[in-house]
Amino acid sequence: MMDTEGPGGALPKLFYIAPVGSEACSPTFTADGSSVFLSVQHPGELRMADNEDATSMEDAGTDWPDFKPGMPARPSLERIRI
């Protein structure tokens, strides 16, 4: 994301980081430009300790989006209000 005019024009700004080991793809904006939708794919497939493939729910890199014990990580659609 970046301003298109003014002193900060063309200066990129970080506005979203997908969960560890996942990818954010297919950005789609609403018609009025007030929101963007992102598909989050493959959350939890990597272990945090060594960045290798997780072999169980217990060693998955995240339990996003629920963050509840026993719930696996799963792909989701995110809406971000701009």
N, C-alpha and C. Protein backbone atom coordinates (compact mmCIF):
# COMPACT_ATOMS: atom_id res chain seq x y z
N MET A 1 0.85 -1.15 0.00
CA MET A 1 0.00 0.00 0.00
C MET A 1 0.90 1.22 0.00
N MET A 2 0.49 2.27 -0.71
CA MET A 2 1.27 3.51 -0.70
C MET A 2 0.40 4.69 -1.06
N ASP A 3 0.76 5.86 -0.55
CA ASP A 3 0.09 7.09 -0.93
C ASP A 3 0.45 7.39 -2.37
N THR A 4 -0.46 8.03 -3.07
CA THR A 4 -0.19 8.37 -4.47
C THR A 4 0.24 9.81 -4.65
N GLU A 5 0.15 10.61 -3.56
CA GLU A 5 0.58 12.01 -3.65
C GLU A 5 1.05 12.47 -2.27
N GLY A 6 1.65 13.64 -2.22
CA GLY A 6 2.13 14.17 -0.95
C GLY A 6 3.54 13.70 -0.64
N PRO A 7 4.05 14.08 0.55
CA PRO A 7 5.44 13.77 0.89
C PRO A 7 5.73 12.28 0.99
N GLY A 8 4.72 11.46 1.27
CA GLY A 8 4.94 10.01 1.35
C GLY A 8 4.57 9.29 0.07
N GLY A 9 4.34 10.03 -1.00
CA GLY A 9 3.94 9.41 -2.26
C GLY A 9 4.94 8.38 -2.74
N ALA A 10 4.45 7.22 -3.14
CA ALA A 10 5.24 6.12 -3.69
C ALA A 10 6.12 5.43 -2.64
N LEU A 11 5.93 5.72 -1.35
CA LEU A 11 6.67 5.05 -0.30
C LEU A 11 5.85 3.84 0.16
N PRO A 12 6.31 2.62 -0.11
CA PRO A 12 5.53 1.42 0.25
C PRO A 12 5.37 1.29 1.76
N LYS A 13 4.19 0.83 2.18
CA LYS A 13 3.89 0.61 3.60
C LYS A 13 3.34 -0.81 3.76
N LEU A 14 3.86 -1.51 4.74
CA LEU A 14 3.37 -2.85 5.05
C LEU A 14 2.00 -2.74 5.72
N PHE A 15 1.00 -3.45 5.22
CA PHE A 15 -0.32 -3.38 5.84
C PHE A 15 -0.88 -4.75 6.22
N TYR A 16 -0.20 -5.82 5.85
CA TYR A 16 -0.67 -7.16 6.23
C TYR A 16 0.47 -8.15 6.11
N ILE A 17 0.55 -9.05 7.08
CA ILE A 17 1.49 -10.16 7.01
C ILE A 17 0.68 -11.44 7.21
N ALA A 18 0.78 -12.33 6.28
CA ALA A 18 0.06 -13.61 6.39
C ALA A 18 0.73 -14.48 7.46
N PRO A 19 0.01 -15.46 8.00
CA PRO A 19 0.60 -16.34 9.01
C PRO A 19 1.87 -17.03 8.50
N VAL A 20 2.75 -17.39 9.42
CA VAL A 20 4.01 -18.03 9.09
C VAL A 20 3.78 -19.24 8.18
N GLY A 21 4.54 -19.31 7.11
CA GLY A 21 4.49 -20.45 6.21
C GLY A 21 3.33 -20.44 5.23
N SER A 22 2.47 -19.43 5.29
CA SER A 22 1.33 -19.39 4.38
C SER A 22 1.61 -18.41 3.25
N GLU A 23 0.65 -18.28 2.39
CA GLU A 23 0.75 -17.30 1.32
C GLU A 23 -0.56 -16.54 1.23
N ALA A 24 -0.48 -15.27 0.95
CA ALA A 24 -1.66 -14.44 0.72
C ALA A 24 -1.76 -14.23 -0.78
N CYS A 25 -2.90 -14.55 -1.35
CA CYS A 25 -3.03 -14.45 -2.79
C CYS A 25 -4.42 -13.95 -3.19
N SER A 26 -4.59 -13.72 -4.47
CA SER A 26 -5.85 -13.31 -5.08
C SER A 26 -6.44 -12.04 -4.48
N PRO A 27 -5.65 -10.97 -4.35
CA PRO A 27 -6.23 -9.74 -3.80
C PRO A 27 -7.36 -9.22 -4.69
N THR A 28 -8.46 -8.89 -4.07
CA THR A 28 -9.62 -8.35 -4.78
C THR A 28 -10.17 -7.19 -3.99
N PHE A 29 -10.34 -6.05 -4.63
CA PHE A 29 -10.84 -4.86 -3.97
C PHE A 29 -12.35 -4.72 -4.16
N THR A 30 -13.02 -4.14 -3.16
CA THR A 30 -14.43 -3.83 -3.31
C THR A 30 -14.57 -2.70 -4.33
N ALA A 31 -15.76 -2.54 -4.89
CA ALA A 31 -15.99 -1.53 -5.92
C ALA A 31 -15.68 -0.12 -5.43
N ASP A 32 -15.94 0.16 -4.15
CA ASP A 32 -15.68 1.50 -3.62
C ASP A 32 -14.25 1.67 -3.11
N GLY A 33 -13.43 0.63 -3.18
CA GLY A 33 -12.04 0.70 -2.78
C GLY A 33 -11.82 0.77 -1.27
N SER A 34 -12.85 0.46 -0.49
CA SER A 34 -12.72 0.58 0.96
C SER A 34 -12.17 -0.68 1.63
N SER A 35 -12.14 -1.79 0.91
CA SER A 35 -11.68 -3.06 1.48
C SER A 35 -10.95 -3.87 0.42
N VAL A 36 -10.08 -4.75 0.91
CA VAL A 36 -9.43 -5.73 0.03
C VAL A 36 -9.64 -7.11 0.65
N PHE A 37 -9.89 -8.09 -0.18
CA PHE A 37 -10.03 -9.48 0.26
C PHE A 37 -8.78 -10.23 -0.19
N LEU A 38 -8.25 -11.05 0.73
CA LEU A 38 -7.07 -11.88 0.44
C LEU A 38 -7.37 -13.32 0.82
N SER A 39 -6.96 -14.25 -0.02
CA SER A 39 -7.06 -15.67 0.31
C SER A 39 -5.77 -16.09 0.99
N VAL A 40 -5.88 -16.66 2.18
CA VAL A 40 -4.71 -17.16 2.91
C VAL A 40 -4.67 -18.67 2.74
N GLN A 41 -3.60 -19.17 2.13
CA GLN A 41 -3.48 -20.58 1.83
C GLN A 41 -2.28 -21.18 2.56
N HIS A 42 -2.39 -22.42 2.94
CA HIS A 42 -1.33 -23.24 3.53
C HIS A 42 -0.84 -22.80 4.92
N PRO A 43 -1.70 -22.20 5.77
CA PRO A 43 -1.20 -21.86 7.11
C PRO A 43 -0.90 -23.13 7.91
N GLY A 44 0.12 -23.07 8.72
CA GLY A 44 0.44 -24.19 9.59
C GLY A 44 1.20 -25.33 8.95
N GLU A 45 1.56 -25.22 7.68
CA GLU A 45 2.26 -26.32 7.03
C GLU A 45 3.75 -26.38 7.36
N LEU A 46 4.29 -25.30 7.92
CA LEU A 46 5.70 -25.29 8.29
C LEU A 46 5.85 -25.21 9.80
N ARG A 47 6.87 -25.89 10.32
CA ARG A 47 7.21 -25.78 11.74
C ARG A 47 7.97 -24.48 11.96
N MET A 48 7.75 -23.85 13.09
CA MET A 48 8.47 -22.61 13.42
C MET A 48 9.95 -22.88 13.69
N ALA A 49 10.25 -24.00 14.35
CA ALA A 49 11.62 -24.26 14.82
C ALA A 49 12.63 -24.38 13.69
N ASP A 50 12.25 -25.06 12.59
CA ASP A 50 13.25 -25.31 11.55
C ASP A 50 12.77 -25.03 10.13
N ASN A 51 11.58 -24.46 10.00
CA ASN A 51 11.04 -24.09 8.69
C ASN A 51 10.87 -25.28 7.75
N GLU A 52 10.68 -26.46 8.33
CA GLU A 52 10.44 -27.68 7.55
C GLU A 52 8.95 -28.03 7.64
N ASP A 53 8.53 -28.98 6.81
CA ASP A 53 7.12 -29.39 6.80
C ASP A 53 6.69 -29.91 8.16
N ALA A 54 5.54 -29.44 8.63
CA ALA A 54 4.96 -29.95 9.87
C ALA A 54 4.43 -31.36 9.60
N THR A 55 4.54 -32.22 10.61
CA THR A 55 4.07 -33.60 10.45
C THR A 55 2.83 -33.88 11.29
N SER A 56 2.42 -32.92 12.10
CA SER A 56 1.23 -33.09 12.93
C SER A 56 0.68 -31.72 13.30
N MET A 57 -0.53 -31.70 13.86
CA MET A 57 -1.09 -30.44 14.33
C MET A 57 -0.24 -29.85 15.44
N GLU A 58 0.36 -30.71 16.25
CA GLU A 58 1.14 -30.23 17.39
C GLU A 58 2.40 -29.47 16.98
N ASP A 59 3.00 -29.82 15.84
CA ASP A 59 4.21 -29.10 15.46
C ASP A 59 3.98 -28.13 14.29
N ALA A 60 2.73 -27.84 14.00
CA ALA A 60 2.41 -26.86 12.95
C ALA A 60 2.87 -25.48 13.39
N GLY A 61 3.24 -24.66 12.43
CA GLY A 61 3.75 -23.33 12.72
C GLY A 61 2.72 -22.39 13.30
N THR A 62 1.43 -22.68 13.15
CA THR A 62 0.38 -21.83 13.67
C THR A 62 -0.92 -22.62 13.77
N ASP A 63 -1.83 -22.15 14.57
CA ASP A 63 -3.19 -22.72 14.60
C ASP A 63 -4.18 -21.65 14.16
N TRP A 64 -3.72 -20.79 13.28
CA TRP A 64 -4.51 -19.71 12.70
C TRP A 64 -5.65 -20.29 11.87
N PRO A 65 -6.81 -19.75 11.81
CA PRO A 65 -7.27 -18.47 12.33
C PRO A 65 -7.99 -18.56 13.70
N ASP A 66 -8.20 -19.76 14.22
CA ASP A 66 -8.96 -19.89 15.46
C ASP A 66 -8.13 -19.72 16.73
N PHE A 67 -6.87 -20.13 16.67
CA PHE A 67 -5.97 -20.07 17.84
C PHE A 67 -6.57 -20.79 19.05
N LYS A 68 -7.19 -21.93 18.80
CA LYS A 68 -7.78 -22.74 19.88
C LYS A 68 -7.12 -24.11 19.88
N PRO A 69 -6.79 -24.63 21.06
CA PRO A 69 -6.21 -25.97 21.13
C PRO A 69 -7.10 -27.00 20.44
N GLY A 70 -6.48 -27.87 19.67
CA GLY A 70 -7.22 -28.92 18.98
C GLY A 70 -7.81 -28.51 17.64
N MET A 71 -7.78 -27.23 17.33
CA MET A 71 -8.28 -26.76 16.04
C MET A 71 -7.11 -26.63 15.07
N PRO A 72 -7.18 -27.25 13.92
CA PRO A 72 -6.07 -27.15 12.97
C PRO A 72 -6.05 -25.80 12.25
N ALA A 73 -4.89 -25.45 11.76
CA ALA A 73 -4.79 -24.28 10.89
C ALA A 73 -5.58 -24.58 9.63
N ARG A 74 -6.17 -23.54 9.04
CA ARG A 74 -6.95 -23.77 7.83
C ARG A 74 -6.94 -22.53 6.95
N PRO A 75 -7.10 -22.73 5.65
CA PRO A 75 -7.15 -21.59 4.75
C PRO A 75 -8.39 -20.75 5.06
N SER A 76 -8.28 -19.47 4.79
CA SER A 76 -9.38 -18.55 5.07
C SER A 76 -9.35 -17.38 4.11
N LEU A 77 -10.45 -16.65 4.12
CA LEU A 77 -10.55 -15.42 3.35
C LEU A 77 -10.53 -14.27 4.34
N GLU A 78 -9.62 -13.33 4.12
CA GLU A 78 -9.48 -12.16 5.00
C GLU A 78 -10.03 -10.92 4.33
N ARG A 79 -10.76 -10.13 5.08
CA ARG A 79 -11.19 -8.81 4.60
C ARG A 79 -10.44 -7.76 5.39
N ILE A 80 -9.80 -6.85 4.69
CA ILE A 80 -9.06 -5.78 5.33
C ILE A 80 -9.68 -4.46 4.90
N ARG A 81 -10.14 -3.69 5.89
CA ARG A 81 -10.70 -2.36 5.59
C ARG A 81 -9.54 -1.40 5.41
N ILE A 82 -9.57 -0.66 4.34
CA ILE A 82 -8.48 0.26 4.01
C ILE A 82 -8.80 1.65 4.52
